[in-house]
Amino acid sequence: MEQVRKFFSNMNDSAILEYGLGVGKPNAPDLAKHIIVVVMDCEKFEFEPRCLTEYDLNNFARKEMKAALANAGPHGENLFEEIYHYHIRLLENAHYVNRKWCPGNPENNRFGVTRFATMQQAKEFLTNCISWPTDETKPDCPKCPVIFLGHTVEHEIKMLRRQLGLDASATNNVVAVIDTQIITTQKGIYGRGNKIGLASLMDKYGVACRDMHTAGNDAAYTTIGALQMVMKEILPTSPSRSLQDVIDDLEPYSMNVERDMGIPRYCTRCKRERHNRPKCRDRIQRCENCLEKGHEKAAYTHITELCIHPK
């Protein structure tokens, strides 16, 4: 791993991502060809208990990207199809949905398939996603080197480590941590201040940032923006197919892969596992906590156990 870290040590974030996307760089160590890029985003509740509510991983392997790069498709469409989207909502905290400062609705996830998982399942899944062996037939072989990518990525890493209890050994194969905020500066892309928001970055590439402030969508837009920033000059375009067209088709395509982890449905209104909240038609007992506080209308929206207000 140290050879790969040293290989990246003299590169900026843009160059590191280029390599992860299949672009050749001189003097790459043999282990570097097994690079996996993990794009991450997570959300936590904006009030107490300020808990992690969801996270998302966009994973892709350099080997697969290198092969797809030979026929990238308009705006990199074939590259986007090599990305795996994993949206995880924490069962213990799924009912904590932000509605004030950073309103977002994780029920409106557009990329990948949502799974509901316990804290332990979510921790194990994250660990497995960054612990792929270089040769699956040899259990004692080295793990694939990992590049972490995010929009203000250090914040995401700290949150996942703190909330899921990841220890240092779980990330000992991480060889680089790169950030779209830094890449924008390297590419001369700025917002109103020194740093650009995700929606503004997408707008520069003509992509609508829909249903933001949910981990699944924000991770996908981070991936899209990063890929466009470092690859746009070499990607083919099409007069009849815009980048927005590509992303519109990517949304359903990304849902073709589903991991058998956790459960597929969970209702944050009644706590049953046969449907999600938007399809809940079950009669429920009113929330006693909301009634005591005078929130009569809110009392009909969830059971007492799933109340977000302090007891």
C-alpha atoms as a PDB file:
ATOM      1  CA  MET A   1       0.000   0.000   0.000  1.00  0.00           C
ATOM      2  CA  GLU A   2       2.858   2.378   0.767  1.00  0.00           C
ATOM      3  CA  GLN A   3       4.052   2.197  -2.829  1.00  0.00           C
ATOM      4  CA  VAL A   4       0.623   3.281  -4.046  1.00  0.00           C
ATOM      5  CA  ARG A   5       0.446   6.090  -1.480  1.00  0.00           C
ATOM      6  CA  LYS A   6       3.875   7.272  -2.582  1.00  0.00           C
ATOM      7  CA  PHE A   7       2.765   7.100  -6.235  1.00  0.00           C
ATOM      8  CA  PHE A   8      -0.134   9.454  -5.462  1.00  0.00           C
ATOM      9  CA  SER A   9       1.808  11.722  -3.095  1.00  0.00           C
ATOM     10  CA  ASN A  10       3.057  14.010  -5.873  1.00  0.00           C
ATOM     11  CA  MET A  11      -0.293  14.213  -7.682  1.00  0.00           C
ATOM     12  CA  ASN A  12      -3.083  16.700  -7.107  1.00  0.00           C
ATOM     13  CA  ASP A  13      -6.671  15.568  -6.554  1.00  0.00           C
ATOM     14  CA  SER A  14      -7.574  15.924 -10.234  1.00  0.00           C
ATOM     15  CA  ALA A  15      -4.711  13.688 -11.374  1.00  0.00           C
ATOM     16  CA  ILE A  16      -5.489  11.065  -8.725  1.00  0.00           C
ATOM     17  CA  LEU A  17      -9.102  10.885  -9.885  1.00  0.00           C
ATOM     18  CA  GLU A  18      -8.005  10.681 -13.527  1.00  0.00           C
ATOM     19  CA  TYR A  19      -5.989   7.603 -12.654  1.00  0.00           C
ATOM     20  CA  GLY A  20      -8.935   6.097 -10.784  1.00  0.00           C
ATOM     21  CA  LEU A  21     -11.030   6.625 -13.919  1.00  0.00           C
ATOM     22  CA  GLY A  22      -8.616   4.649 -16.080  1.00  0.00           C
ATOM     23  CA  VAL A  23      -6.272   7.323 -17.436  1.00  0.00           C
ATOM     24  CA  GLY A  24      -2.696   6.042 -17.543  1.00  0.00           C
ATOM     25  CA  LYS A  25       0.076   7.593 -15.445  1.00  0.00           C
ATOM     26  CA  PRO A  26       3.787   6.691 -15.672  1.00  0.00           C
ATOM     27  CA  ASN A  27       5.545   4.535 -13.070  1.00  0.00           C
ATOM     28  CA  ALA A  28       2.361   3.181 -11.498  1.00  0.00           C
ATOM     29  CA  PRO A  29       3.034   0.270  -9.105  1.00  0.00           C
ATOM     30  CA  ASP A  30       1.393  -3.026 -10.006  1.00  0.00           C
ATOM     31  CA  LEU A  31      -1.008  -2.891  -7.044  1.00  0.00           C
ATOM     32  CA  ALA A  32      -2.399   0.450  -8.276  1.00  0.00           C
ATOM     33  CA  LYS A  33      -4.203  -1.250 -11.162  1.00  0.00           C
ATOM     34  CA  HIS A  34      -6.588  -2.680  -8.544  1.00  0.00           C
ATOM     35  CA  ILE A  35      -7.699   0.788  -7.356  1.00  0.00           C
ATOM     36  CA  ILE A  36     -11.314   1.182  -6.226  1.00  0.00           C
ATOM     37  CA  VAL A  37     -12.837   4.645  -5.889  1.00  0.00           C
ATOM     38  CA  VAL A  38     -15.468   5.091  -3.180  1.00  0.00           C
ATOM     39  CA  VAL A  39     -17.571   8.253  -3.367  1.00  0.00           C
ATOM     40  CA  MET A  40     -19.373   8.895  -0.095  1.00  0.00           C
ATOM     41  CA  ASP A  41     -22.036  11.126   1.330  1.00  0.00           C
ATOM     42  CA  CYS A  42     -23.964  10.954   4.579  1.00  0.00           C
ATOM     43  CA  GLU A  43     -26.664  12.877   6.403  1.00  0.00           C
ATOM     44  CA  LYS A  44     -27.289  13.448  10.079  1.00  0.00           C
ATOM     45  CA  PHE A  45     -30.266  14.929  11.884  1.00  0.00           C
ATOM     46  CA  GLU A  46     -29.926  18.703  12.252  1.00  0.00           C
ATOM     47  CA  PHE A  47     -31.180  18.763  15.876  1.00  0.00           C
ATOM     48  CA  GLU A  48     -30.498  16.567  18.884  1.00  0.00           C
ATOM     49  CA  PRO A  49     -29.650  13.724  18.947  1.00  0.00           C
ATOM     50  CA  ARG A  50     -27.686  14.732  15.794  1.00  0.00           C
ATOM     51  CA  CYS A  51     -27.483  11.123  14.694  1.00  0.00           C
ATOM     52  CA  LEU A  52     -26.456   9.585  11.390  1.00  0.00           C
ATOM     53  CA  THR A  53     -29.615   8.843   9.402  1.00  0.00           C
ATOM     54  CA  GLU A  54     -28.295   7.611   6.035  1.00  0.00           C
ATOM     55  CA  TYR A  55     -25.189   7.189   3.952  1.00  0.00           C
ATOM     56  CA  ASP A  56     -24.462   6.376   0.334  1.00  0.00           C
ATOM     57  CA  LEU A  57     -21.522   4.869  -1.494  1.00  0.00           C
ATOM     58  CA  ASN A  58     -20.779   5.117  -5.212  1.00  0.00           C
ATOM     59  CA  ASN A  59     -18.140   2.472  -5.970  1.00  0.00           C
ATOM     60  CA  PHE A  60     -16.202   1.876  -9.151  1.00  0.00           C
ATOM     61  CA  ALA A  61     -13.066  -0.046 -10.078  1.00  0.00           C
ATOM     62  CA  ARG A  62     -10.249   1.386 -12.168  1.00  0.00           C
ATOM     63  CA  LYS A  63     -10.061  -1.817 -14.231  1.00  0.00           C
ATOM     64  CA  GLU A  64     -13.692  -1.505 -15.307  1.00  0.00           C
ATOM     65  CA  MET A  65     -13.389   2.220 -15.983  1.00  0.00           C
ATOM     66  CA  LYS A  66     -10.263   1.704 -18.092  1.00  0.00           C
ATOM     67  CA  ALA A  67     -12.109  -0.813 -20.271  1.00  0.00           C
ATOM     68  CA  ALA A  68     -15.151   1.479 -20.605  1.00  0.00           C
ATOM     69  CA  LEU A  69     -12.965   4.469 -21.445  1.00  0.00           C
ATOM     70  CA  ALA A  70     -12.209   2.967 -24.872  1.00  0.00           C
ATOM     71  CA  ASN A  71     -15.879   3.572 -25.724  1.00  0.00           C
ATOM     72  CA  ALA A  72     -16.963   6.136 -23.156  1.00  0.00           C
ATOM     73  CA  GLY A  73     -20.218   7.140 -24.862  1.00  0.00           C
ATOM     74  CA  PRO A  74     -21.643  10.682 -24.948  1.00  0.00           C
ATOM     75  CA  HIS A  75     -20.577  12.644 -21.848  1.00  0.00           C
ATOM     76  CA  GLY A  76     -19.123   9.443 -20.370  1.00  0.00           C
ATOM     77  CA  GLU A  77     -22.396   7.500 -20.333  1.00  0.00           C
ATOM     78  CA  ASN A  78     -20.653   4.113 -20.382  1.00  0.00           C
ATOM     79  CA  LEU A  79     -18.433   5.191 -17.500  1.00  0.00           C
ATOM     80  CA  PHE A  80     -21.471   6.092 -15.409  1.00  0.00           C
ATOM     81  CA  GLU A  81     -22.870   2.613 -16.028  1.00  0.00           C
ATOM     82  CA  GLU A  82     -19.824   1.066 -14.305  1.00  0.00           C
ATOM     83  CA  ILE A  83     -20.690   2.766 -11.003  1.00  0.00           C
ATOM     84  CA  TYR A  84     -22.491   0.901  -8.212  1.00  0.00           C
ATOM     85  CA  HIS A  85     -24.830   2.962  -6.032  1.00  0.00           C
ATOM     86  CA  TYR A  86     -25.572   1.819  -2.463  1.00  0.00           C
ATOM     87  CA  HIS A  87     -28.067   3.853  -0.418  1.00  0.00           C
ATOM     88  CA  ILE A  88     -28.309   2.826   3.243  1.00  0.00           C
ATOM     89  CA  ARG A  89     -30.803   4.200   5.764  1.00  0.00           C
ATOM     90  CA  LEU A  90     -30.258   3.450   9.442  1.00  0.00           C
ATOM     91  CA  LEU A  91     -33.236   1.599  10.924  1.00  0.00           C
ATOM     92  CA  GLU A  92     -32.697   3.121  14.354  1.00  0.00           C
ATOM     93  CA  ASN A  93     -32.682   6.676  12.979  1.00  0.00           C
ATOM     94  CA  ALA A  94     -34.607   6.614   9.693  1.00  0.00           C
ATOM     95  CA  HIS A  95     -37.502   8.608  11.160  1.00  0.00           C
ATOM     96  CA  TYR A  96     -35.226  11.594  11.813  1.00  0.00           C
ATOM     97  CA  VAL A  97     -35.733  13.565   8.591  1.00  0.00           C
ATOM     98  CA  ASN A  98     -34.370  17.091   8.173  1.00  0.00           C
ATOM     99  CA  ARG A  99     -37.030  19.644   7.313  1.00  0.00           C
ATOM    100  CA  LYS A 100     -35.632  23.014   8.424  1.00  0.00           C
ATOM    101  CA  TRP A 101     -32.047  24.015   7.614  1.00  0.00           C
ATOM    102  CA  CYS A 102     -31.193  21.346   5.046  1.00  0.00           C
ATOM    103  CA  PRO A 103     -34.543  19.836   4.087  1.00  0.00           C
ATOM    104  CA  GLY A 104     -34.302  16.551   2.247  1.00  0.00           C
ATOM    105  CA  ASN A 105     -36.476  13.494   1.780  1.00  0.00           C
ATOM    106  CA  PRO A 106     -34.597  10.177   1.512  1.00  0.00           C
ATOM    107  CA  GLU A 107     -37.800   8.549   0.231  1.00  0.00           C
ATOM    108  CA  ASN A 108     -37.014  10.415  -3.010  1.00  0.00           C
ATOM    109  CA  ASN A 109     -33.740   8.642  -3.658  1.00  0.00           C
ATOM    110  CA  ARG A 110     -33.060   8.653  -7.413  1.00  0.00           C
ATOM    111  CA  PHE A 111     -29.925   6.510  -7.688  1.00  0.00           C
ATOM    112  CA  GLY A 112     -29.531   2.892  -6.667  1.00  0.00           C
ATOM    113  CA  VAL A 113     -31.813   0.864  -4.415  1.00  0.00           C
ATOM    114  CA  THR A 114     -32.428   1.919  -0.822  1.00  0.00           C
ATOM    115  CA  ARG A 115     -31.873  -0.649   1.927  1.00  0.00           C
ATOM    116  CA  PHE A 116     -32.712  -0.201   5.608  1.00  0.00           C
ATOM    117  CA  ALA A 117     -30.042  -1.557   7.940  1.00  0.00           C
ATOM    118  CA  THR A 118     -29.183  -1.668  11.619  1.00  0.00           C
ATOM    119  CA  MET A 119     -26.122   0.226  12.796  1.00  0.00           C
ATOM    120  CA  GLN A 120     -24.128  -3.008  12.923  1.00  0.00           C
ATOM    121  CA  GLN A 121     -25.226  -4.068   9.440  1.00  0.00           C
ATOM    122  CA  ALA A 122     -24.396  -0.615   8.076  1.00  0.00           C
ATOM    123  CA  LYS A 123     -20.942  -0.758   9.658  1.00  0.00           C
ATOM    124  CA  GLU A 124     -20.233  -4.228   8.265  1.00  0.00           C
ATOM    125  CA  PHE A 125     -21.473  -3.255   4.804  1.00  0.00           C
ATOM    126  CA  LEU A 126     -19.273  -0.155   4.701  1.00  0.00           C
ATOM    127  CA  THR A 127     -16.277  -2.188   5.850  1.00  0.00           C
ATOM    128  CA  ASN A 128     -16.917  -4.820   3.166  1.00  0.00           C
ATOM    129  CA  CYS A 129     -17.265  -2.165   0.450  1.00  0.00           C
ATOM    130  CA  ILE A 130     -13.756  -0.899   1.120  1.00  0.00           C
ATOM    131  CA  SER A 131     -12.165  -4.317   1.701  1.00  0.00           C
ATOM    132  CA  TRP A 132     -12.292  -6.016  -1.698  1.00  0.00           C
ATOM    133  CA  PRO A 133      -9.488  -8.570  -2.268  1.00  0.00           C
ATOM    134  CA  THR A 134      -7.305  -8.123  -5.336  1.00  0.00           C
ATOM    135  CA  ASP A 135      -7.985 -11.791  -6.145  1.00  0.00           C
ATOM    136  CA  GLU A 136     -11.230 -13.275  -4.823  1.00  0.00           C
ATOM    137  CA  THR A 137      -9.859 -16.817  -5.256  1.00  0.00           C
ATOM    138  CA  LYS A 138      -7.035 -16.095  -2.798  1.00  0.00           C
ATOM    139  CA  PRO A 139      -8.313 -15.127   0.670  1.00  0.00           C
ATOM    140  CA  ASP A 140      -4.859 -14.067   1.894  1.00  0.00           C
ATOM    141  CA  CYS A 141      -4.156 -11.692  -0.994  1.00  0.00           C
ATOM    142  CA  PRO A 142      -3.820  -7.915  -0.456  1.00  0.00           C
ATOM    143  CA  LYS A 143      -6.913  -5.724  -0.351  1.00  0.00           C
ATOM    144  CA  CYS A 144      -7.607  -3.362  -3.226  1.00  0.00           C
ATOM    145  CA  PRO A 145      -6.241   0.140  -2.641  1.00  0.00           C
ATOM    146  CA  VAL A 146      -9.084   2.624  -2.078  1.00  0.00           C
ATOM    147  CA  ILE A 147      -9.476   6.282  -3.019  1.00  0.00           C
ATOM    148  CA  PHE A 148     -12.081   8.163  -0.974  1.00  0.00           C
ATOM    149  CA  LEU A 149     -13.875  10.967  -2.823  1.00  0.00           C
ATOM    150  CA  GLY A 150     -16.519  13.378  -1.569  1.00  0.00           C
ATOM    151  CA  HIS A 151     -17.779  16.943  -1.493  1.00  0.00           C
ATOM    152  CA  THR A 152     -16.106  18.160   1.735  1.00  0.00           C
ATOM    153  CA  VAL A 153     -15.018  14.546   2.160  1.00  0.00           C
ATOM    154  CA  GLU A 154     -13.209  14.868   5.507  1.00  0.00           C
ATOM    155  CA  HIS A 155     -16.537  15.809   7.106  1.00  0.00           C
ATOM    156  CA  GLU A 156     -18.137  12.645   5.702  1.00  0.00           C
ATOM    157  CA  ILE A 157     -15.292  10.416   6.883  1.00  0.00           C
ATOM    158  CA  LYS A 158     -15.357  11.835  10.409  1.00  0.00           C
ATOM    159  CA  MET A 159     -19.117  11.393  10.637  1.00  0.00           C
ATOM    160  CA  LEU A 160     -19.022   7.765   9.489  1.00  0.00           C
ATOM    161  CA  ARG A 161     -16.143   6.915  11.804  1.00  0.00           C
ATOM    162  CA  ARG A 162     -17.768   8.561  14.806  1.00  0.00           C
ATOM    163  CA  GLN A 163     -21.321   7.356  14.256  1.00  0.00           C
ATOM    164  CA  LEU A 164     -20.578   3.799  13.077  1.00  0.00           C
ATOM    165  CA  GLY A 165     -17.549   3.245  15.282  1.00  0.00           C
ATOM    166  CA  LEU A 166     -15.115   2.386  12.490  1.00  0.00           C
ATOM    167  CA  ASP A 167     -11.608   1.708  13.751  1.00  0.00           C
ATOM    168  CA  ALA A 168      -8.422   2.616  11.922  1.00  0.00           C
ATOM    169  CA  SER A 169      -7.828  -0.928  10.663  1.00  0.00           C
ATOM    170  CA  ALA A 170     -10.994  -0.744   8.557  1.00  0.00           C
ATOM    171  CA  THR A 171      -9.424   1.954   6.397  1.00  0.00           C
ATOM    172  CA  ASN A 172      -5.770   0.878   6.340  1.00  0.00           C
ATOM    173  CA  ASN A 173      -5.992   0.294   2.572  1.00  0.00           C
ATOM    174  CA  VAL A 174      -7.117   3.872   1.843  1.00  0.00           C
ATOM    175  CA  VAL A 175      -4.297   5.371  -0.226  1.00  0.00           C
ATOM    176  CA  ALA A 176      -5.748   8.800  -1.055  1.00  0.00           C
ATOM    177  CA  VAL A 177      -8.550  11.110   0.060  1.00  0.00           C
ATOM    178  CA  ILE A 178      -9.683  13.618  -2.574  1.00  0.00           C
ATOM    179  CA  ASP A 179     -12.345  16.311  -2.617  1.00  0.00           C
ATOM    180  CA  THR A 180     -14.480  17.879  -5.335  1.00  0.00           C
ATOM    181  CA  GLN A 181     -14.104  21.219  -3.544  1.00  0.00           C
ATOM    182  CA  ILE A 182     -10.359  21.024  -4.156  1.00  0.00           C
ATOM    183  CA  ILE A 183     -10.807  19.801  -7.736  1.00  0.00           C
ATOM    184  CA  THR A 184     -13.024  22.797  -8.540  1.00  0.00           C
ATOM    185  CA  THR A 185     -10.222  25.127  -7.438  1.00  0.00           C
ATOM    186  CA  GLN A 186      -7.701  23.200  -9.526  1.00  0.00           C
ATOM    187  CA  LYS A 187     -10.007  23.523 -12.533  1.00  0.00           C
ATOM    188  CA  GLY A 188     -10.721  27.228 -11.939  1.00  0.00           C
ATOM    189  CA  ILE A 189     -14.381  26.675 -11.082  1.00  0.00           C
ATOM    190  CA  TYR A 190     -15.774  28.939  -8.369  1.00  0.00           C
ATOM    191  CA  GLY A 191     -19.118  29.751  -6.799  1.00  0.00           C
ATOM    192  CA  ARG A 192     -20.139  32.907  -4.995  1.00  0.00           C
ATOM    193  CA  GLY A 193     -17.391  32.429  -2.447  1.00  0.00           C
ATOM    194  CA  ASN A 194     -14.150  30.503  -2.387  1.00  0.00           C
ATOM    195  CA  LYS A 195     -15.987  27.182  -2.561  1.00  0.00           C
ATOM    196  CA  ILE A 196     -18.817  26.082  -4.796  1.00  0.00           C
ATOM    197  CA  GLY A 197     -21.962  24.259  -3.710  1.00  0.00           C
ATOM    198  CA  LEU A 198     -22.998  20.988  -5.305  1.00  0.00           C
ATOM    199  CA  ALA A 199     -26.098  22.477  -6.969  1.00  0.00           C
ATOM    200  CA  SER A 200     -24.052  25.316  -8.491  1.00  0.00           C
ATOM    201  CA  LEU A 201     -21.472  22.830  -9.763  1.00  0.00           C
ATOM    202  CA  MET A 202     -24.169  20.749 -11.434  1.00  0.00           C
ATOM    203  CA  ASP A 203     -25.684  23.863 -12.953  1.00  0.00           C
ATOM    204  CA  LYS A 204     -22.380  24.618 -14.689  1.00  0.00           C
ATOM    205  CA  TYR A 205     -22.730  21.305 -16.520  1.00  0.00           C
ATOM    206  CA  GLY A 206     -26.421  21.719 -17.301  1.00  0.00           C
ATOM    207  CA  VAL A 207     -27.633  19.095 -14.838  1.00  0.00           C
ATOM    208  CA  ALA A 208     -30.636  19.644 -12.561  1.00  0.00           C
ATOM    209  CA  CYS A 209     -29.810  18.834  -8.936  1.00  0.00           C
ATOM    210  CA  ARG A 210     -33.074  17.194  -7.878  1.00  0.00           C
ATOM    211  CA  ASP A 211     -34.037  16.080  -4.363  1.00  0.00           C
ATOM    212  CA  MET A 212     -30.838  17.233  -2.713  1.00  0.00           C
ATOM    213  CA  HIS A 213     -29.721  16.823   0.897  1.00  0.00           C
ATOM    214  CA  THR A 214     -30.286  13.093   0.712  1.00  0.00           C
ATOM    215  CA  ALA A 215     -27.209  10.875   0.775  1.00  0.00           C
ATOM    216  CA  GLY A 216     -28.039   8.874  -2.351  1.00  0.00           C
ATOM    217  CA  ASN A 217     -28.664  11.846  -4.602  1.00  0.00           C
ATOM    218  CA  ASP A 218     -25.839  14.002  -3.242  1.00  0.00           C
ATOM    219  CA  ALA A 219     -23.311  11.172  -3.667  1.00  0.00           C
ATOM    220  CA  ALA A 220     -24.427  10.677  -7.267  1.00  0.00           C
ATOM    221  CA  TYR A 221     -24.179  14.389  -8.078  1.00  0.00           C
ATOM    222  CA  THR A 222     -20.728  14.458  -6.468  1.00  0.00           C
ATOM    223  CA  THR A 223     -19.653  11.602  -8.743  1.00  0.00           C
ATOM    224  CA  ILE A 224     -21.171  13.240 -11.824  1.00  0.00           C
ATOM    225  CA  GLY A 225     -19.529  16.582 -11.105  1.00  0.00           C
ATOM    226  CA  ALA A 226     -16.139  15.041 -10.355  1.00  0.00           C
ATOM    227  CA  LEU A 227     -16.152  12.967 -13.527  1.00  0.00           C
ATOM    228  CA  GLN A 228     -17.123  15.932 -15.684  1.00  0.00           C
ATOM    229  CA  MET A 229     -14.487  18.192 -14.160  1.00  0.00           C
ATOM    230  CA  VAL A 230     -11.550  15.877 -14.813  1.00  0.00           C
ATOM    231  CA  MET A 231     -12.727  14.078 -17.988  1.00  0.00           C
ATOM    232  CA  LYS A 232     -14.855  16.566 -19.917  1.00  0.00           C
ATOM    233  CA  GLU A 233     -12.085  17.499 -22.352  1.00  0.00           C
ATOM    234  CA  ILE A 234     -11.609  13.904 -23.508  1.00  0.00           C
ATOM    235  CA  LEU A 235     -15.220  12.682 -23.388  1.00  0.00           C
ATOM    236  CA  PRO A 236     -17.250  12.610 -26.610  1.00  0.00           C
ATOM    237  CA  THR A 237     -20.368  14.753 -26.884  1.00  0.00           C
ATOM    238  CA  SER A 238     -23.536  14.345 -28.923  1.00  0.00           C
ATOM    239  CA  PRO A 239     -25.688  16.984 -30.644  1.00  0.00           C
ATOM    240  CA  SER A 240     -28.777  14.912 -29.882  1.00  0.00           C
ATOM    241  CA  ARG A 241     -27.976  13.743 -26.343  1.00  0.00           C
ATOM    242  CA  SER A 242     -27.212  16.114 -23.488  1.00  0.00           C
ATOM    243  CA  LEU A 243     -25.578  15.271 -20.176  1.00  0.00           C
ATOM    244  CA  GLN A 244     -29.011  15.734 -18.579  1.00  0.00           C
ATOM    245  CA  ASP A 245     -30.386  13.050 -20.933  1.00  0.00           C
ATOM    246  CA  VAL A 246     -27.595  10.725 -19.830  1.00  0.00           C
ATOM    247  CA  ILE A 247     -28.340  11.327 -16.136  1.00  0.00           C
ATOM    248  CA  ASP A 248     -32.091  10.880 -16.653  1.00  0.00           C
ATOM    249  CA  ASP A 249     -31.386   7.402 -18.064  1.00  0.00           C
ATOM    250  CA  LEU A 250     -28.787   6.659 -15.396  1.00  0.00           C
ATOM    251  CA  GLU A 251     -31.334   6.986 -12.599  1.00  0.00           C
ATOM    252  CA  PRO A 252     -33.351   3.833 -13.482  1.00  0.00           C
ATOM    253  CA  TYR A 253     -30.251   2.023 -14.777  1.00  0.00           C
ATOM    254  CA  SER A 254     -28.527   2.446 -11.406  1.00  0.00           C
ATOM    255  CA  MET A 255     -31.340   0.525  -9.709  1.00  0.00           C
ATOM    256  CA  ASN A 256     -30.520  -2.738 -11.510  1.00  0.00           C
ATOM    257  CA  VAL A 257     -28.091  -3.809  -8.780  1.00  0.00           C
ATOM    258  CA  GLU A 258     -29.367  -4.498  -5.266  1.00  0.00           C
ATOM    259  CA  ARG A 259     -27.381  -5.880  -2.352  1.00  0.00           C
ATOM    260  CA  ASP A 260     -28.951  -8.515  -0.125  1.00  0.00           C
ATOM    261  CA  MET A 261     -28.376  -6.602   3.095  1.00  0.00           C
ATOM    262  CA  GLY A 262     -30.852  -5.268   5.632  1.00  0.00           C
ATOM    263  CA  ILE A 263     -34.460  -4.976   4.476  1.00  0.00           C
ATOM    264  CA  PRO A 264     -35.976  -3.300   1.392  1.00  0.00           C
ATOM    265  CA  ARG A 265     -38.908  -1.595   3.114  1.00  0.00           C
ATOM    266  CA  TYR A 266     -39.534   0.138   6.426  1.00  0.00           C
ATOM    267  CA  CYS A 267     -42.212   2.653   7.381  1.00  0.00           C
ATOM    268  CA  THR A 268     -41.168   5.662   9.466  1.00  0.00           C
ATOM    269  CA  ARG A 269     -44.837   6.260  10.308  1.00  0.00           C
ATOM    270  CA  CYS A 270     -45.969   2.894  11.680  1.00  0.00           C
ATOM    271  CA  LYS A 271     -42.673   0.931  11.946  1.00  0.00           C
ATOM    272  CA  ARG A 272     -43.911  -1.930   9.784  1.00  0.00           C
ATOM    273  CA  GLU A 273     -41.683  -3.579   7.196  1.00  0.00           C
ATOM    274  CA  ARG A 274     -44.182  -4.311   4.432  1.00  0.00           C
ATOM    275  CA  HIS A 275     -44.203  -0.805   2.955  1.00  0.00           C
ATOM    276  CA  ASN A 276     -42.423   2.558   3.023  1.00  0.00           C
ATOM    277  CA  ARG A 277     -43.901   5.718   4.498  1.00  0.00           C
ATOM    278  CA  PRO A 278     -45.392   7.164   1.256  1.00  0.00           C
ATOM    279  CA  LYS A 279     -47.525   4.026   0.850  1.00  0.00           C
ATOM    280  CA  CYS A 280     -48.613   3.719   4.482  1.00  0.00           C
ATOM    281  CA  ARG A 281     -52.394   3.478   4.824  1.00  0.00           C
ATOM    282  CA  ASP A 282     -52.434   1.703   8.193  1.00  0.00           C
ATOM    283  CA  ARG A 283     -54.397   3.036  11.131  1.00  0.00           C
ATOM    284  CA  ILE A 284     -52.023   4.051  13.931  1.00  0.00           C
ATOM    285  CA  GLN A 285     -52.221   5.182  17.525  1.00  0.00           C
ATOM    286  CA  ARG A 286     -51.618   8.916  17.833  1.00  0.00           C
ATOM    287  CA  CYS A 287     -48.262  10.054  19.162  1.00  0.00           C
ATOM    288  CA  GLU A 288     -48.683  10.709  22.883  1.00  0.00           C
ATOM    289  CA  ASN A 289     -45.583  12.893  22.992  1.00  0.00           C
ATOM    290  CA  CYS A 290     -46.930  15.266  20.324  1.00  0.00           C
ATOM    291  CA  LEU A 291     -50.346  15.411  22.010  1.00  0.00           C
ATOM    292  CA  GLU A 292     -48.755  16.404  25.319  1.00  0.00           C
ATOM    293  CA  LYS A 293     -46.866  19.209  23.588  1.00  0.00           C
ATOM    294  CA  GLY A 294     -49.959  20.479  21.771  1.00  0.00           C
ATOM    295  CA  HIS A 295     -48.888  19.267  18.294  1.00  0.00           C
ATOM    296  CA  GLU A 296     -52.256  17.699  17.509  1.00  0.00           C
ATOM    297  CA  LYS A 297     -51.858  17.531  13.720  1.00  0.00           C
ATOM    298  CA  ALA A 298     -48.370  16.087  13.986  1.00  0.00           C
ATOM    299  CA  ALA A 299     -49.659  13.435  16.390  1.00  0.00           C
ATOM    300  CA  TYR A 300     -51.438  11.702  13.494  1.00  0.00           C
ATOM    301  CA  THR A 301     -48.260  11.393  11.391  1.00  0.00           C
ATOM    302  CA  HIS A 302     -46.380   8.761  13.418  1.00  0.00           C
ATOM    303  CA  ILE A 303     -46.516   6.464  16.405  1.00  0.00           C
ATOM    304  CA  THR A 304     -45.071   7.614  19.728  1.00  0.00           C
ATOM    305  CA  GLU A 305     -41.977   5.439  19.341  1.00  0.00           C
ATOM    306  CA  LEU A 306     -41.027   7.283  16.145  1.00  0.00           C
ATOM    307  CA  CYS A 307     -41.414  10.832  17.455  1.00  0.00           C
ATOM    308  CA  ILE A 308     -38.533  13.182  16.655  1.00  0.00           C
ATOM    309  CA  HIS A 309     -39.393  15.674  19.388  1.00  0.00           C
ATOM    310  CA  PRO A 310     -37.629  15.437  22.774  1.00  0.00           C
ATOM    311  CA  LYS A 311     -39.591  13.408  25.295  1.00  0.00           C
END
